[in-house]
Structure formats: structure tokens, C-alpha cells
Protein backbone atom coordinates (compact mmCIF):
# COMPACT_ATOMS: atom_id res chain seq x y z
CA UNK A 1 -26.14 -7.41 -53.38
CA UNK A 2 -26.75 -5.87 -49.97
CA UNK A 3 -25.00 -3.23 -47.89
CA UNK A 4 -24.33 -3.40 -44.15
CA UNK A 5 -22.65 -1.18 -41.56
CA UNK A 6 -20.72 -2.82 -38.70
CA UNK A 7 -19.88 -0.61 -35.71
CA UNK A 8 -16.77 -1.39 -33.63
CA UNK A 9 -17.93 -0.42 -30.14
CA UNK A 10 -15.50 -1.82 -27.57
CA UNK A 11 -12.09 -1.19 -29.14
CA UNK A 12 -9.76 1.44 -30.52
CA UNK A 13 -10.14 1.28 -34.34
CA UNK A 14 -6.47 2.26 -34.77
CA UNK A 15 -5.41 -1.00 -33.08
CA UNK A 16 -8.01 -3.00 -34.99
CA UNK A 17 -7.01 -1.68 -38.45
CA UNK A 18 -3.30 -1.97 -37.68
CA UNK A 19 -0.29 0.17 -38.59
CA UNK A 20 -0.91 1.80 -41.98
CA UNK A 21 -4.20 -0.18 -42.10
CA UNK A 22 -2.26 -3.43 -42.52
CA UNK A 23 -4.89 -5.49 -40.69
CA UNK A 24 -7.70 -3.96 -42.72
CA UNK A 25 -5.89 -4.68 -45.98
CA UNK A 26 -5.40 -8.31 -44.91
CA UNK A 27 -9.10 -8.65 -44.08
CA UNK A 28 -9.99 -7.22 -47.49
CA UNK A 29 -7.64 -9.71 -49.18
CA UNK A 30 -9.28 -12.61 -47.34
CA UNK A 31 -12.72 -11.43 -48.55
CA UNK A 32 -12.11 -10.53 -52.23
CA UNK A 33 -15.81 -10.84 -53.11
CA UNK A 34 -16.81 -8.05 -50.70
CA UNK A 35 -16.33 -4.31 -51.06
CA UNK A 36 -15.09 -3.10 -47.66
CA UNK A 37 -14.69 0.54 -46.63
CA UNK A 38 -13.72 1.65 -43.09
CA UNK A 39 -14.36 5.11 -41.63
CA UNK A 40 -13.57 5.63 -37.96
CA UNK A 41 -15.25 2.85 -36.02
CA UNK A 42 -17.70 1.96 -38.82
CA UNK A 43 -17.01 -0.71 -41.44
CA UNK A 44 -19.27 -0.49 -44.53
CA UNK A 45 -19.59 -3.75 -46.47
CA UNK A 46 -21.21 -4.36 -49.85
CA UNK A 47 -21.68 -7.82 -51.40
CA UNK A 48 -23.31 -11.22 -51.34
CA UNK A 49 -25.57 -11.88 -48.32
CA UNK A 50 -24.07 -15.27 -47.44
CA UNK A 51 -20.49 -14.02 -47.75
CA UNK A 52 -21.38 -10.97 -45.66
CA UNK A 53 -22.86 -13.11 -42.88
CA UNK A 54 -19.55 -15.00 -42.55
CA UNK A 55 -17.64 -11.70 -42.66
CA UNK A 56 -19.73 -10.18 -39.87
CA UNK A 57 -19.30 -13.26 -37.68
CA UNK A 58 -15.51 -13.09 -38.07
CA UNK A 59 -15.38 -9.32 -37.44
CA UNK A 60 -17.27 -9.83 -34.16
CA UNK A 61 -14.74 -12.50 -33.11
CA UNK A 62 -11.83 -10.24 -34.10
CA UNK A 63 -13.34 -7.33 -32.18
CA UNK A 64 -13.79 -9.51 -29.09
CA UNK A 65 -10.17 -10.68 -29.31
CA UNK A 66 -8.91 -7.13 -29.79
CA UNK A 67 -10.96 -5.87 -26.82
CA UNK A 68 -9.56 -8.56 -24.54
CA UNK A 69 -5.89 -8.51 -25.58
CA UNK A 70 -5.59 -4.85 -26.68
CA UNK A 71 -3.80 -6.07 -29.80
CA UNK A 72 -4.55 -7.70 -33.14
CA UNK A 73 -1.88 -9.32 -35.26
CA UNK A 74 -2.01 -10.71 -38.77
CA UNK A 75 -1.59 -14.36 -37.70
CA UNK A 76 -4.55 -13.99 -35.31
CA UNK A 77 -6.70 -12.55 -38.13
CA UNK A 78 -5.85 -15.46 -40.39
CA UNK A 79 -6.52 -18.03 -37.64
CA UNK A 80 -9.93 -16.58 -36.76
CA UNK A 81 -11.11 -16.13 -40.35
CA UNK A 82 -9.97 -19.65 -41.26
CA UNK A 83 -11.82 -21.03 -38.24
CA UNK A 84 -8.75 -21.94 -36.18
CA UNK A 85 -8.23 -21.07 -32.52
CA UNK A 86 -5.77 -18.13 -32.24
CA UNK A 87 -2.40 -18.91 -30.73
CA UNK A 88 -2.66 -16.45 -27.84
CA UNK A 89 -4.54 -17.99 -24.97
CA UNK A 90 -5.48 -16.40 -21.68
CA UNK A 91 -3.53 -17.73 -18.70
CA UNK A 92 -5.45 -18.59 -15.56
CA UNK A 93 -4.23 -15.67 -13.41
CA UNK A 94 -4.46 -12.88 -16.01
CA UNK A 95 -6.73 -10.04 -14.89
CA UNK A 96 -6.55 -7.98 -18.11
CA UNK A 97 -4.05 -7.23 -20.87
CA UNK A 98 -2.19 -3.93 -21.08
CA UNK A 99 -2.33 -1.64 -24.12
CA UNK A 100 0.85 -3.35 -25.34
CA UNK A 101 -0.76 -6.79 -25.04
CA UNK A 102 1.22 -7.70 -21.92
CA UNK A 103 -0.75 -9.75 -19.36
CA UNK A 104 -1.45 -8.02 -16.05
CA UNK A 105 -1.42 -10.66 -13.33
CA UNK A 106 -1.25 -10.76 -9.52
CA UNK A 107 2.47 -10.70 -8.76
CA UNK A 108 2.36 -11.75 -5.12
CA UNK A 109 0.34 -13.92 -2.76
CA UNK A 110 -1.46 -10.94 -1.22
CA UNK A 111 -2.27 -9.43 -4.62
CA UNK A 112 -3.85 -12.81 -5.44
CA UNK A 113 -5.85 -12.54 -2.19
CA UNK A 114 -7.11 -9.15 -3.39
CA UNK A 115 -8.30 -10.72 -6.66
CA UNK A 116 -10.02 -13.55 -4.74
CA UNK A 117 -11.55 -11.09 -2.27
CA UNK A 118 -13.02 -9.12 -5.18
CA UNK A 119 -14.69 -12.28 -6.49
CA UNK A 120 -16.15 -13.27 -3.11
CA UNK A 121 -17.19 -9.94 -1.55
CA UNK A 122 -18.67 -6.61 -2.59
CA UNK A 123 -16.40 -4.47 -0.38
CA UNK A 124 -12.65 -4.87 -0.02
CA UNK A 125 -10.11 -2.99 2.08
CA UNK A 126 -6.57 -3.34 0.70
CA UNK A 127 -3.90 -1.78 2.90
CA UNK A 128 -0.18 -1.84 2.31
CA UNK A 129 3.02 0.14 1.65
CA UNK A 130 3.89 2.14 -1.44
CA UNK A 131 4.52 -0.02 -4.48
CA UNK A 132 2.67 -3.10 -3.25
CA UNK A 133 0.28 -2.97 -6.22
CA UNK A 134 -2.94 -2.42 -4.30
CA UNK A 135 -4.26 0.43 -6.47
CA UNK A 136 -2.98 -0.99 -9.76
CA UNK A 137 -4.54 -4.40 -9.07
CA UNK A 138 -7.82 -2.77 -7.99
CA UNK A 139 -8.04 -0.75 -11.21
CA UNK A 140 -7.21 -3.85 -13.29
CA UNK A 141 -10.12 -5.67 -11.61
CA UNK A 142 -12.42 -2.74 -12.38
CA UNK A 143 -11.33 -2.62 -16.04
CA UNK A 144 -11.92 -6.37 -16.37
CA UNK A 145 -15.45 -6.03 -14.94
CA UNK A 146 -16.18 -3.20 -17.40
CA UNK A 147 -14.84 -5.15 -20.39
CA UNK A 148 -16.90 -8.18 -19.37
CA UNK A 149 -19.99 -5.92 -19.15
CA UNK A 150 -20.52 -6.94 -15.52
CA UNK A 151 -20.84 -3.24 -14.66
CA UNK A 152 -21.70 -0.02 -16.51
CA UNK A 153 -19.10 2.33 -15.05
CA UNK A 154 -15.89 2.72 -13.07
CA UNK A 155 -15.64 5.46 -10.44
CA UNK A 156 -12.23 6.35 -9.02
CA UNK A 157 -11.79 8.77 -6.15
CA UNK A 158 -9.13 10.23 -3.87
CA UNK A 159 -9.18 12.75 -1.04
CA UNK A 160 -7.50 15.98 -2.22
CA UNK A 161 -4.87 16.22 0.52
CA UNK A 162 -1.37 17.62 -0.06
CA UNK A 163 1.47 15.28 0.91
CA UNK A 164 3.24 17.60 3.32
CA UNK A 165 3.22 20.59 0.97
CA UNK A 166 1.06 23.68 0.69
CA UNK A 167 0.30 23.95 -3.01
CA UNK A 168 -1.68 27.16 -2.70
CA UNK A 169 -3.74 28.47 -5.58
CA UNK A 170 -3.84 26.26 -8.68
CA UNK A 171 -4.80 27.87 -12.01
CA UNK A 172 -7.35 26.50 -14.46
CA UNK A 173 -10.84 25.05 -14.34
CA UNK A 174 -12.03 22.46 -11.82
CA UNK A 175 -10.61 19.51 -13.80
CA UNK A 176 -7.21 21.17 -14.11
CA UNK A 177 -7.16 21.94 -10.37
CA UNK A 178 -7.88 18.37 -9.26
CA UNK A 179 -5.99 16.40 -11.93
CA UNK A 180 -2.61 16.56 -10.09
CA UNK A 181 -4.17 14.69 -7.15
CA UNK A 182 -5.63 12.03 -9.44
CA UNK A 183 -2.72 11.49 -11.86
CA UNK A 184 -1.72 8.05 -10.44
CA UNK A 185 -5.20 6.80 -11.34
CA UNK A 186 -4.88 8.12 -14.89
CA UNK A 187 -1.47 6.41 -15.18
CA UNK A 188 -2.94 3.00 -14.33
CA UNK A 189 -5.90 3.43 -16.71
CA UNK A 190 -3.60 4.48 -19.56
CA UNK A 191 -1.70 1.21 -19.10
CA UNK A 192 -4.86 -0.85 -19.57
CA UNK A 193 -7.16 1.01 -21.97
CA UNK A 194 -6.12 2.42 -25.38
CA UNK A 195 -5.94 6.21 -25.38
CA UNK A 196 -8.82 6.82 -27.81
CA UNK A 197 -11.12 4.43 -25.96
CA UNK A 198 -10.17 5.87 -22.57
CA UNK A 199 -10.96 9.39 -23.83
CA UNK A 200 -14.34 8.18 -25.09
CA UNK A 201 -15.12 6.43 -21.79
CA UNK A 202 -14.32 9.58 -19.84
CA UNK A 203 -16.34 11.84 -22.13
CA UNK A 204 -19.34 9.52 -21.72
CA UNK A 205 -18.79 9.25 -17.93
CA UNK A 206 -18.31 5.48 -18.23
CA UNK A 207 -15.08 6.12 -16.32
CA UNK A 208 -15.31 8.89 -13.74
CA UNK A 209 -12.41 10.27 -11.72
CA UNK A 210 -13.28 12.74 -9.00
CA UNK A 211 -12.20 14.02 -5.57
CA UNK A 212 -13.89 12.36 -2.61
CA UNK A 213 -15.93 15.49 -1.83
CA UNK A 214 -17.83 15.01 -5.11
CA UNK A 215 -19.26 11.69 -3.89
CA UNK A 216 -21.67 13.24 -1.39
CA UNK A 217 -25.34 12.69 -2.17
CA UNK A 218 -24.75 10.07 -4.87
CA UNK A 219 -26.00 6.48 -5.02
CA UNK A 220 -23.56 4.43 -7.06
CA UNK A 221 -25.19 1.54 -8.97
CA UNK A 222 -23.75 -0.95 -11.49
CA UNK A 223 -20.18 0.14 -10.83
CA UNK A 224 -16.79 -0.67 -9.42
CA UNK A 225 -15.90 2.20 -7.09
CA UNK A 226 -12.32 2.63 -5.87
CA UNK A 227 -11.25 4.97 -3.08
CA UNK A 228 -7.48 5.44 -3.24
CA UNK A 229 -5.22 6.98 -0.55
CA UNK A 230 -8.00 6.34 1.98
CA UNK A 231 -5.61 6.87 4.90
CA UNK A 232 -6.12 10.59 4.24
CA UNK A 233 -9.87 10.50 4.78
CA UNK A 234 -11.53 11.72 7.93
CA UNK A 235 -14.08 9.65 9.86
CA UNK A 236 -16.97 11.55 8.28
CA UNK A 237 -15.55 11.32 4.75
CA UNK A 238 -15.02 7.56 4.68
CA UNK A 239 -18.42 6.91 6.26
CA UNK A 240 -19.99 9.11 3.59
CA UNK A 241 -18.11 7.22 0.86
CA UNK A 242 -18.95 3.71 2.08
CA UNK A 243 -22.65 4.54 2.31
CA UNK A 244 -22.78 5.57 -1.39
CA UNK A 245 -22.89 1.87 -2.33
CA UNK A 246 -25.81 0.92 -4.58
CA UNK A 247 -27.06 -2.19 -6.36
CA UNK A 248 -24.63 -4.37 -8.33
CA UNK A 249 -21.70 -2.34 -7.04
CA UNK A 250 -18.33 -3.35 -5.67
CA UNK A 251 -16.12 -1.03 -3.61
CA UNK A 252 -12.36 -1.25 -3.13
CA UNK A 253 -10.73 0.96 -0.50
CA UNK A 254 -6.93 1.23 -0.68
CA UNK A 255 -4.43 3.03 1.52
CA UNK A 256 -1.10 3.08 3.31
CA UNK A 257 -1.45 3.72 7.05
CA UNK A 258 2.26 4.66 7.29
CA UNK A 259 1.72 7.70 5.02
CA UNK A 260 -1.06 9.69 6.67
CA UNK A 261 -0.97 13.35 5.59
CA UNK A 262 -3.82 14.56 7.80
CA UNK A 263 -3.17 17.07 10.60
CA UNK A 264 -1.99 15.37 13.81
CA UNK A 265 -5.24 16.31 15.53
CA UNK A 266 -7.34 14.29 13.02
CA UNK A 267 -7.91 10.53 13.09
CA UNK A 268 -7.50 8.59 9.84
CA UNK A 269 -10.91 7.40 8.67
CA UNK A 270 -9.29 4.32 7.12
CA UNK A 271 -7.69 3.17 10.37
CA UNK A 272 -10.89 3.75 12.31
CA UNK A 273 -13.22 2.11 9.75
CA UNK A 274 -11.11 -1.06 9.63
CA UNK A 275 -11.56 -1.43 13.39
CA UNK A 276 -15.28 -0.70 13.27
CA UNK A 277 -16.06 -2.97 10.30
CA UNK A 278 -13.69 -5.88 10.95
CA UNK A 279 -16.53 -8.26 11.91
CA UNK A 280 -19.04 -7.14 9.26
CA UNK A 281 -19.99 -9.97 6.90
CA UNK A 282 -19.32 -9.39 3.20
CA UNK A 283 -16.17 -7.28 3.63
CA UNK A 284 -12.65 -8.54 2.82
CA UNK A 285 -9.57 -7.10 4.51
CA UNK A 286 -6.29 -7.62 2.63
CA UNK A 287 -3.03 -6.55 4.25
CA UNK A 288 -0.13 -6.22 1.84
CA UNK A 289 3.45 -5.82 3.06
CA UNK A 290 6.96 -5.07 1.80
CA UNK A 291 7.18 -8.55 0.23
CA UNK A 292 4.44 -7.47 -2.19
CA UNK A 293 6.35 -4.43 -3.47
CA UNK A 294 6.73 -4.67 -7.25
CA UNK A 295 8.44 -1.36 -7.98
CA UNK A 296 12.20 -0.84 -8.17
CA UNK A 297 14.08 -3.07 -5.71
CA UNK A 298 15.16 0.04 -3.80
CA UNK A 299 11.55 0.77 -2.81
CA UNK A 300 11.43 -2.36 -0.63
CA UNK A 301 14.76 -1.39 0.98
CA UNK A 302 13.50 2.16 1.62
CA UNK A 303 10.30 0.87 3.25
CA UNK A 304 12.36 -1.56 5.35
CA UNK A 305 14.75 1.20 6.47
CA UNK A 306 11.87 3.46 7.55
CA UNK A 307 10.24 0.60 9.46
CA UNK A 308 13.49 0.00 11.36
CA UNK A 309 13.85 3.72 12.02
CA UNK A 310 10.29 4.00 13.36
CA UNK A 311 10.83 1.01 15.67
CA UNK A 312 14.06 2.50 17.01
CA UNK A 313 12.34 5.84 17.64
CA UNK A 314 9.50 4.06 19.41
CA UNK A 315 11.96 2.24 21.65
CA UNK A 316 13.79 5.49 22.40
CA UNK A 317 10.54 7.25 23.30
CA UNK A 318 9.44 4.33 25.47
CA UNK A 319 12.84 4.25 27.18
CA UNK A 320 12.71 7.99 27.80
CA UNK A 321 9.21 7.76 29.28
CA UNK A 322 10.31 4.95 31.61
CA UNK A 323 13.30 7.02 32.76
CA UNK A 324 11.04 10.00 33.50
CA UNK A 325 8.62 7.78 35.37
CA UNK A 326 11.47 6.25 37.44
CA UNK A 327 12.88 9.68 38.30
CA UNK A 328 9.47 10.84 39.49
CA UNK A 329 9.09 7.67 41.56
CA UNK A 330 12.58 8.11 43.12
CA UNK A 331 11.83 11.78 43.83
CA UNK A 332 8.56 10.88 45.54
CA UNK A 333 10.29 8.27 47.75
CA UNK A 334 13.06 10.73 48.69
CA UNK A 335 10.60 13.44 49.71
CA UNK A 336 8.57 10.96 51.81
CA UNK A 337 11.12 9.11 54.02
């Protein structure tokens, strides 16, 4: 008789053990010769050495399945322990699985281009309107890389710029002050990583979320680094961010050039950097459009209406400028017969 401790490292034990420990009870029933006790993420096993070796092998397979699919059902447990392939199989386009076990896949041609660009290059610019999935897809790619142990950390950043409002003094510590700016990033992560595991990752700085200003002076190695809302960066800020890139690191820069919240006197760093870097080898540029919008159907109509409005205003301004120019020309000709 020997005793062994097996540590579940990459999953949320609550999902692994099941509701009311149903999964754990099933595993115990399938290994009646072993004494199995679970505490937190540690499974203590007592029994025959040969039986325990088979048990450990199956637990590792179950843990791997649970980490990939964010779920573990009784039929899967039975299949794996009996040596059969589980019924759930990963489709070709799946990036990761959500916390509910739903596959997260590219839902448009340009989202697919973003996935392909991530595979081919170390720096990707993804620009498009609200709801086109650029940030969500980027975070899914980062989570997949972390789960596959291709990287050691995920770093998510945003410039802390108010969207047309003056928020004034915000109470609380530094985290509480900056969290409102970063909430969309939390929302995406919570869709893809179980709550307990996400909390652990953030406490250990495996996943870091910080304002852009906190990036200065860092060299970012072994990471996927995402800069969201990059249209609100200045020239100096985005240059500072892009030059943080270290070894075995991929960077994804996302933004919507139609929603720049900087003062009129400032140039968007995103717009400028895309012009400067357009011929640099190793950088992908993905332009998403209203056809990529995957939010409520009204979002696409809203974006379309604003595009039409902006074009009409541009034509009106151009027409007005031509009229002014013509009047000046006519006035000059009249005064010089």
C-alpha cells in the first residue's frame, strides 16, 4: 500500500469534482480498490501501486480535458477511464472553449484573418468598428496560448481616457480607480477562464491588466500583450508600448479609428503608427468592418447610420468650402476688371 498526492494545477477543482462532487463520486466508484480523498486542488490516494498508476494516468487525461473544454461530464469520465475517446471533439476553427463549454470560434472572414495573422506574425494590428470582435478574438488567442503553455503570462492594457465625459475624482485604491477603464477586458476573460482560476492567475500575475502608463520601462518576455482602444493613444504612448516587446512575445493592438476620444489637437498614435509601420516585415494589419459585427443586429445598423451621416457632413463641408472659394474668386474678378 502506498500513498500519493495529485495536484490539479490548470483547472478549477469545482468544475472537475462536479456539482455536489458528483464527478468525484463517480471516479471513486470506478476505482473501488483505492481510497480517494479530495481537498481543494489536491487529491490524496491510498492503495495498490499498479492500480494507482492507472488512476494517476486517467486523472491527468481528465484534467487535460477539463482544462481545454472548461467542463467535465460523467460520460466523458467513463469514456476516458475505460480507454475510449471522449465524444466531444475539437472542431478545426475553435480557439478556446468558454466557461460553459461553448466553443469560441472566428465568426467572420476578418476574424479568421486575425487568427491566421496571430499564427504567422508576432505583431498584429486589428482595427474595426464596435462589436466586430477584435478584442474578444485577441483575448481568446491569448488564453489559448496560455493554456497550451506557449507563453507564461497575458498582459492586457488600455489607455485611461474618458469617452467624452469628465469622471473627476474616483475613490478607492489604484486598482479600484483603474478598473472601470479595464472592465471590458475582465468581461472577456470571465467568459473564457473559470472564476477561481482567473482569480488565481491574477493574484500570481500570470494575467496582468494595467493602464498603458504602467508599461513604461518594462521588457515583456514570454507573453501575449494586448493593447485595447489604441486609437486613444498618443504618438509617444504607442511607440513606448510597441518597444516593450521582448523574446517569445506576441503583441496585438486593437482599436476603432471612428471613436477617438483624444483632444482635437492630438494625433491618434494608432492612426499614425499604422502609416509608419505598414511596410515593416513581421507585422499583420487586419481591417474589420461592419460585416464583422457580432453584437445585436442593431449595432451594425447604428454603425451604418453614422457612416452615412459622416459622409453627408463631409459632402456638405466640401460643398460649403467650394462655394466660399467660388465667391472669393468672383469677388476678385469683379474688383479687377
